[in-house]
N, C-alpha and C. Protein backbone atom coordinates (compact mmCIF):
# COMPACT_ATOMS: atom_id res chain seq x y z
N SER A 1 -12.34 5.43 -8.47
CA SER A 1 -12.54 5.27 -6.88
C SER A 1 -12.70 4.02 -6.32
N PHE A 2 -11.76 3.31 -5.56
CA PHE A 2 -11.51 2.23 -5.15
C PHE A 2 -12.85 1.36 -5.06
N VAL A 3 -13.91 3.03 -4.22
CA VAL A 3 -15.24 2.49 -3.36
C VAL A 3 -16.46 2.24 -4.49
N PHE A 4 -15.72 3.22 -5.76
CA PHE A 4 -16.98 3.04 -6.83
C PHE A 4 -16.83 1.69 -7.64
N ILE A 5 -15.29 0.45 -7.66
CA ILE A 5 -14.75 -0.06 -8.09
C ILE A 5 -15.44 -1.90 -8.00
N VAL A 6 -15.61 -1.16 -6.11
CA VAL A 6 -15.86 -2.29 -5.45
C VAL A 6 -17.80 -2.30 -5.18
N SER A 7 -18.34 -1.30 -5.58
CA SER A 7 -19.50 -1.15 -5.85
C SER A 7 -20.15 -1.60 -6.97
N VAL A 8 -19.68 -1.42 -8.08
CA VAL A 8 -19.96 -2.13 -9.13
C VAL A 8 -19.77 -3.34 -9.16
N ARG A 9 -18.81 -3.89 -9.30
CA ARG A 9 -18.24 -5.68 -9.51
C ARG A 9 -19.19 -5.68 -7.78
N SER A 10 -19.72 -5.55 -6.77
CA SER A 10 -20.18 -6.51 -5.94
C SER A 10 -22.16 -6.33 -6.72
N ARG A 11 -22.44 -5.12 -7.13
CA ARG A 11 -23.77 -5.12 -8.28
C ARG A 11 -23.66 -6.13 -9.53
N ILE A 12 -22.94 -6.21 -9.96
CA ILE A 12 -22.54 -7.08 -10.88
C ILE A 12 -22.57 -8.68 -10.61
N LEU A 13 -22.02 -8.98 -9.54
CA LEU A 13 -21.84 -10.55 -8.67
C LEU A 13 -23.37 -10.73 -8.16
N VAL A 14 -24.12 -9.94 -7.79
CA VAL A 14 -25.77 -10.24 -7.69
C VAL A 14 -26.41 -10.60 -8.50
N ILE A 15 -26.39 -9.71 -9.83
CA ILE A 15 -26.58 -9.87 -10.75
C ILE A 15 -26.30 -10.99 -11.04
N GLU A 16 -25.14 -11.65 -10.88
CA GLU A 16 -25.04 -13.14 -11.66
C GLU A 16 -24.90 -14.25 -10.38
N THR A 17 -25.47 -13.73 -9.39
CA THR A 17 -25.83 -14.97 -8.12
C THR A 17 -24.60 -15.55 -7.94
N ALA A 18 -23.73 -14.39 -8.28
CA ALA A 18 -22.06 -14.87 -7.75
C ALA A 18 -21.73 -14.42 -5.95
N THR A 19 -22.72 -14.45 -4.55
CA THR A 19 -22.99 -13.91 -4.32
C THR A 19 -21.60 -14.44 -2.66
N HIS A 20 -21.69 -15.33 -2.49
CA HIS A 20 -20.68 -15.86 -2.27
C HIS A 20 -19.17 -15.20 -2.37
N SER A 21 -18.84 -14.58 -3.61
CA SER A 21 -17.77 -14.29 -3.90
C SER A 21 -17.60 -12.84 -3.61
N ILE A 22 -19.33 -12.47 -3.07
CA ILE A 22 -18.75 -10.87 -2.51
C ILE A 22 -18.80 -11.08 -0.75
N LEU A 23 -18.72 -12.34 -0.32
CA LEU A 23 -19.10 -12.21 1.12
C LEU A 23 -17.02 -12.80 1.52
N TRP A 24 -16.67 -13.65 0.98
CA TRP A 24 -15.37 -13.75 1.09
C TRP A 24 -14.79 -12.58 1.16
N MET A 25 -14.92 -11.55 -0.37
CA MET A 25 -13.88 -10.63 -0.67
C MET A 25 -13.98 -9.79 0.72
N ALA A 26 -15.57 -9.31 1.22
CA ALA A 26 -16.00 -8.44 2.06
C ALA A 26 -14.80 -8.56 3.64
N LEU A 27 -14.76 -10.68 4.13
CA LEU A 27 -13.88 -11.03 4.61
C LEU A 27 -12.83 -10.53 4.50
N LEU A 28 -12.18 -11.08 3.68
CA LEU A 28 -10.75 -10.51 3.32
C LEU A 28 -10.24 -9.35 3.36
N THR A 29 -11.28 -8.71 2.80
CA THR A 29 -10.76 -7.13 3.09
C THR A 29 -10.37 -6.56 4.81
N ALA A 30 -11.55 -7.42 5.80
CA ALA A 30 -12.16 -7.17 6.68
C ALA A 30 -10.97 -6.61 7.53
N LEU A 31 -10.13 -8.19 7.54
CA LEU A 31 -9.11 -9.04 8.02
C LEU A 31 -7.52 -8.09 7.49
N PHE A 32 -7.56 -7.86 6.23
CA PHE A 32 -7.14 -6.96 5.98
C PHE A 32 -6.06 -5.62 6.30
N ASN A 33 -7.84 -4.68 6.77
CA ASN A 33 -8.41 -3.67 7.36
C ASN A 33 -7.36 -4.19 8.75
N VAL A 34 -8.25 -4.71 9.46
CA VAL A 34 -7.51 -5.17 10.68
C VAL A 34 -5.76 -4.89 11.09
N ALA A 35 -5.00 -5.84 9.84
CA ALA A 35 -3.89 -6.30 9.82
C ALA A 35 -3.28 -4.90 9.71
N ALA A 36 -3.44 -3.81 8.80
CA ALA A 36 -3.23 -2.76 8.53
C ALA A 36 -3.62 -1.53 9.65
N ASN A 37 -4.16 -1.67 10.34
CA ASN A 37 -4.60 -1.19 11.47
C ASN A 37 -3.69 -1.47 12.69
N ILE A 38 -3.22 -2.57 12.84
CA ILE A 38 -2.38 -2.89 13.96
C ILE A 38 -1.94 -2.60 13.30
N ILE A 39 -1.03 -2.34 12.09
CA ILE A 39 0.61 -2.34 11.89
C ILE A 39 0.68 -0.65 12.36
N LEU A 40 -0.05 0.19 11.62
CA LEU A 40 -0.01 1.49 11.21
C LEU A 40 -0.47 2.22 11.95
N ILE A 41 -1.67 1.85 13.38
CA ILE A 41 -1.74 3.03 14.07
C ILE A 41 -0.88 2.93 15.19
N PRO A 42 -0.05 2.52 15.63
CA PRO A 42 0.38 2.78 17.05
C PRO A 42 1.83 3.31 16.55
N LYS A 43 2.41 3.69 15.07
CA LYS A 43 2.92 4.06 14.58
C LYS A 43 2.39 5.28 14.66
N HIS A 44 1.53 6.12 13.76
CA HIS A 44 1.42 7.10 12.54
C HIS A 44 -0.07 7.96 12.98
N GLY A 45 -0.35 6.97 14.27
CA GLY A 45 -2.38 7.09 15.12
C GLY A 45 -3.38 7.21 13.56
N GLY A 46 -3.78 8.35 13.88
CA GLY A 46 -5.15 8.45 13.08
C GLY A 46 -5.15 8.62 11.66
N GLU A 47 -3.52 9.01 11.20
CA GLU A 47 -2.94 9.07 10.09
C GLU A 47 -2.99 7.49 9.02
N GLY A 48 -2.34 6.87 9.82
CA GLY A 48 -2.03 5.64 9.86
C GLY A 48 -3.72 4.54 9.59
N ALA A 49 -4.77 5.05 10.46
CA ALA A 49 -5.90 4.65 10.70
C ALA A 49 -6.34 4.96 8.89
N ALA A 50 -6.62 6.33 8.75
CA ALA A 50 -6.31 6.58 6.99
C ALA A 50 -5.72 5.72 6.11
N TRP A 51 -4.82 5.50 6.29
CA TRP A 51 -4.06 4.75 5.46
C TRP A 51 -4.25 3.85 5.35
N ALA A 52 -5.10 2.76 6.25
CA ALA A 52 -4.66 1.82 6.54
C ALA A 52 -6.36 1.13 5.73
N ALA A 53 -7.08 2.21 5.68
CA ALA A 53 -8.50 2.01 4.76
C ALA A 53 -8.29 2.15 3.65
N VAL A 54 -7.70 3.61 3.02
CA VAL A 54 -7.42 2.69 1.67
C VAL A 54 -6.82 2.16 0.80
N ILE A 55 -5.22 1.40 2.46
CA ILE A 55 -4.77 0.53 1.81
C ILE A 55 -6.10 -0.91 1.31
N ALA A 56 -7.06 -1.01 2.16
CA ALA A 56 -8.10 -1.90 2.37
C ALA A 56 -8.60 -1.70 0.94
N TRP A 57 -9.14 -0.82 1.15
CA TRP A 57 -10.34 -0.89 -0.18
C TRP A 57 -9.18 -0.81 -1.66
N SER A 58 -8.40 -0.19 -1.39
CA SER A 58 -7.12 -0.65 -2.65
C SER A 58 -6.89 -2.73 -3.34
N PHE A 59 -6.15 -2.92 -2.22
CA PHE A 59 -6.90 -4.85 -2.07
C PHE A 59 -8.05 -4.72 -2.28
N SER A 60 -9.44 -4.68 -2.08
CA SER A 60 -10.42 -5.24 -2.37
C SER A 60 -10.99 -4.40 -4.03
N ALA A 61 -10.75 -4.14 -4.34
CA ALA A 61 -10.52 -3.48 -5.74
C ALA A 61 -9.63 -4.17 -6.76
N LEU A 62 -8.58 -3.88 -6.70
CA LEU A 62 -7.13 -4.54 -7.46
C LEU A 62 -6.70 -6.46 -6.87
N ILE A 63 -6.83 -6.49 -5.72
CA ILE A 63 -6.04 -7.49 -5.55
C ILE A 63 -7.56 -9.03 -5.46
N ALA A 64 -7.97 -8.76 -4.73
CA ALA A 64 -8.73 -8.97 -3.68
C ALA A 64 -10.03 -10.30 -4.97
N PRO A 65 -10.26 -9.51 -6.33
CA PRO A 65 -10.85 -10.14 -7.52
C PRO A 65 -10.24 -11.23 -7.79
N TRP A 66 -8.86 -11.69 -7.81
CA TRP A 66 -7.96 -11.96 -8.80
C TRP A 66 -8.96 -13.77 -8.15
N ILE A 67 -8.91 -13.58 -6.71
CA ILE A 67 -9.00 -14.42 -5.88
C ILE A 67 -9.90 -15.88 -6.64
N PHE A 68 -11.11 -15.27 -6.44
CA PHE A 68 -12.38 -15.77 -6.90
C PHE A 68 -12.36 -15.51 -8.73
N THR A 69 -13.04 -16.79 -9.12
CA THR A 69 -13.46 -16.98 -9.90
C THR A 69 -14.30 -16.21 -10.49
N ALA A 70 -14.84 -15.99 -10.29
CA ALA A 70 -16.04 -15.23 -10.66
C ALA A 70 -15.77 -13.98 -10.91
N SER A 71 -15.10 -13.04 -9.85
CA SER A 71 -14.98 -11.77 -9.78
C SER A 71 -13.90 -11.50 -10.79
N ARG A 72 -12.52 -12.88 -11.10
CA ARG A 72 -11.93 -12.57 -11.66
C ARG A 72 -13.03 -12.13 -13.04
N GLU A 73 -13.43 -12.51 -13.42
CA GLU A 73 -14.03 -12.06 -15.08
C GLU A 73 -14.67 -11.34 -14.97
N VAL A 74 -15.56 -10.66 -13.71
CA VAL A 74 -16.15 -9.91 -13.61
C VAL A 74 -14.75 -8.43 -14.46
N ILE A 75 -13.56 -8.66 -13.45
CA ILE A 75 -12.44 -7.68 -13.51
C ILE A 75 -12.50 -8.04 -15.24
N TYR A 76 -12.28 -8.95 -15.70
CA TYR A 76 -11.71 -9.00 -17.02
C TYR A 76 -13.09 -7.80 -17.98
N LYS A 77 -14.01 -8.11 -17.55
CA LYS A 77 -15.00 -7.48 -18.22
C LYS A 77 -14.91 -6.00 -17.95
N PHE A 78 -15.04 -5.33 -17.11
CA PHE A 78 -14.71 -3.84 -15.86
C PHE A 78 -13.56 -2.87 -16.91
N PHE A 79 -12.73 -4.00 -16.70
CA PHE A 79 -11.22 -3.37 -17.31
C PHE A 79 -10.99 -3.69 -19.41
N ARG A 80 -11.78 -4.16 -19.57
CA ARG A 80 -11.94 -4.95 -20.85
C ARG A 80 -9.84 -4.94 -21.27
N PHE A 81 -9.44 -6.48 -20.13
CA PHE A 81 -8.40 -6.98 -20.40
C PHE A 81 -8.65 -7.95 -21.53
């Protein structure tokens, strides 16, 4: 699940003292979630909010790590590319 991936990645980044990456990824994820809520809630209500959360977690787990070098290395290790 996306929550598991983000949780493990965050713990690895704490161990590697790259906590600044965690902060920036959390901020990007929050902004992504707000944008998705603005788009989806007027059309779909509560179901749109749920989908916005899923989309934001998937962004945080799969896309945001590629932005920062420290987290990119963790993704390579995690998925064994």
